[in-house]
Amino acid sequence: MRFSELHKHTFGQWSPDGRYLAAASMGRVLVRDAETLKLVQVFVCCEKVARIEWSPDSQYILAETSKQGIVQVWCVSDADWSCRIDEGLAGVTRARWGPSSRHVLIMTEFH
């Protein structure tokens, strides 16, 4: 039996198509090839990552930050493409992908 080298990450999630493994490590999201565990992309977030979620088509990944009410989105196949959603003082309770993989639903609580 062979084991991979140790990778220290807070949490991870397989892509829906099973090709990638995304893992959060402080303010970074690391995307690895599922078979070899070699790095495919490294995305830098503005804050510590609290949660990640793959788009249904496995082309995009979003990251919710722990403090700032910001959601960042990246494209796995195009490292130059990114999106930042900032809800300011309202914050972000949860961000979810729409079924088309081209829309992000942002939920927030107003008190």
Foldseek 3Di string as FASTA:
>chain_A
DDDDDDDDFDDWDAQLVRQWIWTFHWQKIFIAGNPPRHTQDIGGHPGGFDDKDAQNVRQKMWTFHDPFLKIKMAGSVDRVDIDIDGPGPQHFPDWDHDNVSPDIDTDGDDD
